[in-house]
Every structure is written in C-alpha cells, then in structure tokens.
Amino acid sequence: MVDPVLRALGHPTRLRMLSLMWAGPLSAANLAAELGISHGLASQHLRTLDRAGLVELTEVRPKRGGRERLYRTVKGTPLSDRTDASPMFTEAFVNNMRTRLAMRVPDSASAVTDAELWLTPEVWTEYRKRLLELMYDLHEYAVPPRTPGATPIGVTLMAFEMLPGPVPDNPTHTE
C-alpha cells in the first residue's frame, strides 16, 4: 500500500496546489480557477492533500447559499525529508517544470543552473541547509495568487547526493 503522503506528493497538480496555498488559504474554486481545472477535480485533490495531512482547513464561510472551505498548506511540510518518494516525486517535479517553463516570460531575467559536483560531507550539509533556508524564505515572502503588484515566479529545486561511478541503467539516459 502506498503511503498517503507519498501519493499526494506524487501528483504535479497537488504539488502546485501546495505551493499556491503556502501564501494563504484558498478554496477549491480559487484553486480550480488558478490551475485551469474543474471545481470537482480541485476538491478531489484537496481531499487527498487533507487526508495526507499536508493542508488544513482554516475557515468555512457562507457563499451563495452554500459553504466555502478555505485550506492552507501546513507550514513545515517535509517535502525534503521524503527520501522514499524519488520516482513519483521526481516525475511530478518534471511535469511542473514543463508547465512553468511554458508560462515563462520570454527574455525575462532568471537564474538557471545545472551541476554535478563533488563536495565534502561538511560542505554538502551546510549548503543543503542554506538551500532549504532560501526556499523557506521565498515561501514566507509569497503572497496569494493574483495579488496586485506581484508576479508569478517558478522555482524548482532538487539537490541530492548521488552514487559515484557510471550512470546506472536508466531509460531516460541516452549516450
């Protein structure tokens, strides 16, 4: 049986939802509009995130004779600690990267890098900590989608220790 947190993190739409709700609570209707999906699908994804403990209900308020539920990402959600999530998590990251690249403003300023580095364990520990702090800071400065004066920014970061030696058999690797 697949861990509910792993299942929730392994879907690109749910990863995007977690990012969008970090800055503040959003409803299924808000998320549906922002992501271009149906309200029902947004609600279904929210239920999955809720069951996994990755979001929390912050408010229920009346709206047009019904009730609107607002959710936010649970602060401190341990995405970086999911070492068992590699294949599903990586695929969700790749999908989100493709989506965000399609939304990139042409000729806009960016920071792009790719690296395969050899570091001492002490340096790796220090820089991993700094990268996580930087990402946490960016999340803390985030404002709700479509806030006047704010611009959407795509950030995807995966930094991890690798096995030394030749590339293992990998269907995506070409020589």
Protein backbone atom coordinates (compact mmCIF):
# COMPACT_ATOMS: atom_id res chain seq x y z
CA MET A 1 0.00 0.00 0.00
CA VAL A 2 1.33 3.43 -0.96
CA ASP A 3 1.87 5.98 1.80
CA PRO A 4 -0.85 8.70 1.57
CA VAL A 5 1.77 11.47 1.81
CA LEU A 6 3.78 9.88 -0.98
CA ARG A 7 0.65 9.51 -3.11
CA ALA A 8 -0.28 13.16 -2.50
CA LEU A 9 3.22 14.45 -3.31
CA GLY A 10 3.47 12.32 -6.44
CA HIS A 11 0.92 14.34 -8.43
CA PRO A 12 2.00 17.58 -10.16
CA THR A 13 -1.34 19.34 -9.61
CA ARG A 14 -1.23 18.66 -5.89
CA LEU A 15 2.35 19.96 -5.70
CA ARG A 16 1.23 23.16 -7.42
CA MET A 17 -1.72 23.43 -5.04
CA LEU A 18 0.59 23.16 -2.03
CA SER A 19 2.76 25.94 -3.47
CA LEU A 20 -0.24 28.18 -4.15
CA MET A 21 -1.73 27.67 -0.67
CA TRP A 22 1.53 28.40 1.13
CA ALA A 23 0.96 32.15 0.96
CA GLY A 24 -2.56 31.93 2.35
CA PRO A 25 -5.79 29.98 2.37
CA LEU A 26 -7.57 29.21 -0.89
CA SER A 27 -10.79 27.42 -1.73
CA ALA A 28 -11.31 24.66 -4.28
CA ALA A 29 -12.93 27.28 -6.52
CA ASN A 30 -9.86 29.57 -6.22
CA LEU A 31 -7.52 26.68 -6.99
CA ALA A 32 -9.66 25.48 -9.91
CA ALA A 33 -9.58 28.93 -11.50
CA GLU A 34 -5.84 29.35 -10.95
CA LEU A 35 -4.94 25.89 -12.27
CA GLY A 36 -7.49 25.73 -15.08
CA ILE A 37 -9.17 22.59 -13.74
CA SER A 38 -12.74 21.81 -12.70
CA HIS A 39 -14.01 22.66 -9.24
CA GLY A 40 -14.74 18.96 -8.65
CA LEU A 41 -11.19 17.93 -9.53
CA ALA A 42 -9.75 20.67 -7.30
CA SER A 43 -11.96 19.42 -4.44
CA GLN A 44 -10.81 15.85 -5.02
CA HIS A 45 -7.14 16.91 -4.91
CA LEU A 46 -7.79 18.94 -1.76
CA ARG A 47 -9.33 15.90 -0.05
CA THR A 48 -6.23 13.85 -0.92
CA LEU A 49 -3.96 16.56 0.49
CA ASP A 50 -6.13 16.84 3.60
CA ARG A 51 -6.10 13.06 4.24
CA ALA A 52 -2.30 13.14 3.94
CA GLY A 53 -2.08 15.95 6.50
CA LEU A 54 -0.47 18.36 4.04
CA VAL A 55 -3.22 21.00 4.19
CA GLU A 56 -5.50 22.24 6.93
CA LEU A 57 -8.96 23.76 6.90
CA THR A 58 -8.67 27.36 8.07
CA GLU A 59 -12.16 28.75 7.55
CA VAL A 60 -15.66 27.81 6.47
CA ARG A 61 -17.76 30.76 5.33
CA PRO A 62 -21.15 31.17 3.71
CA LYS A 63 -21.17 31.75 -0.03
CA ARG A 64 -24.23 31.91 -2.31
CA GLY A 65 -26.38 29.67 -0.14
CA GLY A 66 -23.56 27.17 0.39
CA ARG A 67 -20.32 27.00 2.31
CA GLU A 68 -16.86 27.81 1.04
CA ARG A 69 -13.98 25.96 2.68
CA LEU A 70 -10.56 27.59 2.71
CA TYR A 71 -7.40 25.48 3.08
CA ARG A 72 -3.75 26.30 3.50
CA THR A 73 -0.55 24.31 3.30
CA VAL A 74 0.61 23.04 6.67
CA LYS A 75 3.74 25.04 7.43
CA GLY A 76 6.83 22.93 7.68
CA THR A 77 5.52 20.25 5.31
CA PRO A 78 8.53 17.94 4.99
CA LEU A 79 8.97 17.71 1.22
CA SER A 80 12.75 17.49 1.60
CA ASP A 81 12.54 14.58 4.00
CA ARG A 82 10.66 12.28 1.59
CA THR A 83 13.65 10.16 0.56
CA ASP A 84 11.30 7.31 -0.39
CA ALA A 85 9.39 9.46 -2.89
CA SER A 86 12.06 9.72 -5.52
CA PRO A 87 10.45 8.31 -8.71
CA MET A 88 6.91 9.68 -8.18
CA PHE A 89 8.13 12.94 -6.70
CA THR A 90 10.68 13.48 -9.47
CA GLU A 91 8.09 12.88 -12.18
CA ALA A 92 5.74 15.40 -10.53
CA PHE A 93 8.62 17.91 -10.37
CA VAL A 94 9.44 17.37 -14.03
CA ASN A 95 5.81 17.89 -15.03
CA ASN A 96 5.62 21.10 -13.00
CA MET A 97 8.88 22.31 -14.51
CA ARG A 98 7.45 21.80 -18.02
CA THR A 99 4.28 23.68 -17.06
CA ARG A 100 6.23 26.56 -15.52
CA LEU A 101 8.61 26.79 -18.48
CA ALA A 102 5.62 27.11 -20.82
CA MET A 103 4.49 30.07 -18.67
CA ARG A 104 7.93 31.77 -18.67
CA VAL A 105 8.02 35.39 -19.78
CA PRO A 106 10.25 35.45 -22.90
CA ASP A 107 13.64 37.10 -22.38
CA SER A 108 12.94 37.64 -18.67
CA ALA A 109 15.66 37.59 -16.04
CA SER A 110 16.21 34.20 -14.47
CA ALA A 111 18.63 32.10 -12.50
CA VAL A 112 19.36 28.78 -14.20
CA THR A 113 22.00 26.28 -13.25
CA ASP A 114 22.81 22.62 -13.52
CA ALA A 115 25.58 21.00 -11.58
CA GLU A 116 27.16 17.67 -10.83
CA LEU A 117 29.60 18.43 -8.04
CA TRP A 118 31.80 16.54 -5.61
CA LEU A 119 31.68 18.05 -2.13
CA THR A 120 32.88 17.06 1.30
CA PRO A 121 30.11 15.88 3.64
CA GLU A 122 30.52 19.04 5.73
CA VAL A 123 30.13 21.36 2.75
CA TRP A 124 27.13 19.37 1.43
CA THR A 125 25.42 19.51 4.85
CA GLU A 126 25.97 23.27 5.09
CA TYR A 127 24.78 24.08 1.57
CA ARG A 128 21.79 21.76 1.78
CA LYS A 129 20.76 23.66 4.90
CA ARG A 130 21.27 27.01 3.14
CA LEU A 131 19.27 25.92 0.08
CA LEU A 132 16.38 24.80 2.28
CA GLU A 133 16.50 28.10 4.20
CA LEU A 134 16.46 30.06 0.94
CA MET A 135 13.42 28.11 -0.30
CA TYR A 136 11.70 28.56 3.06
CA ASP A 137 12.35 32.33 2.88
CA LEU A 138 10.89 32.52 -0.64
CA HIS A 139 7.78 30.68 0.56
CA GLU A 140 7.45 33.08 3.50
CA TYR A 141 7.55 36.11 1.17
CA ALA A 142 4.93 34.60 -1.14
CA VAL A 143 1.59 36.38 -1.46
CA PRO A 144 -1.69 34.89 -2.69
CA PRO A 145 -2.05 34.37 -6.46
CA ARG A 146 -3.03 37.46 -8.47
CA THR A 147 -2.10 39.88 -5.65
CA PRO A 148 -1.78 43.30 -7.33
CA GLY A 149 1.86 44.19 -7.91
CA ALA A 150 3.06 40.59 -7.52
CA THR A 151 4.44 38.43 -10.31
CA PRO A 152 4.40 34.63 -10.51
CA ILE A 153 7.81 33.03 -10.11
CA GLY A 154 8.62 29.38 -10.87
CA VAL A 155 11.17 27.71 -8.63
CA THR A 156 12.06 24.03 -8.69
CA LEU A 157 14.96 22.74 -6.65
CA MET A 158 16.24 19.22 -6.24
CA ALA A 159 19.67 18.81 -4.70
CA PHE A 160 20.69 15.32 -3.63
CA GLU A 161 23.62 13.04 -3.00
CA MET A 162 24.46 10.71 -5.91
CA LEU A 163 26.12 7.33 -6.24
CA PRO A 164 29.70 7.51 -7.54
CA GLY A 165 30.54 5.71 -10.74
CA PRO A 166 28.82 5.21 -14.07
CA VAL A 167 25.19 6.10 -14.63
CA PRO A 168 23.01 3.12 -13.69
CA ASP A 169 20.61 1.67 -16.26
CA ASN A 170 18.13 4.45 -16.86
CA PRO A 171 15.53 4.52 -19.63
CA THR A 172 15.78 8.33 -19.90
CA HIS A 173 19.59 8.30 -20.23
CA THR A 174 20.99 8.44 -23.75
CA GLU A 175 24.60 8.07 -24.73
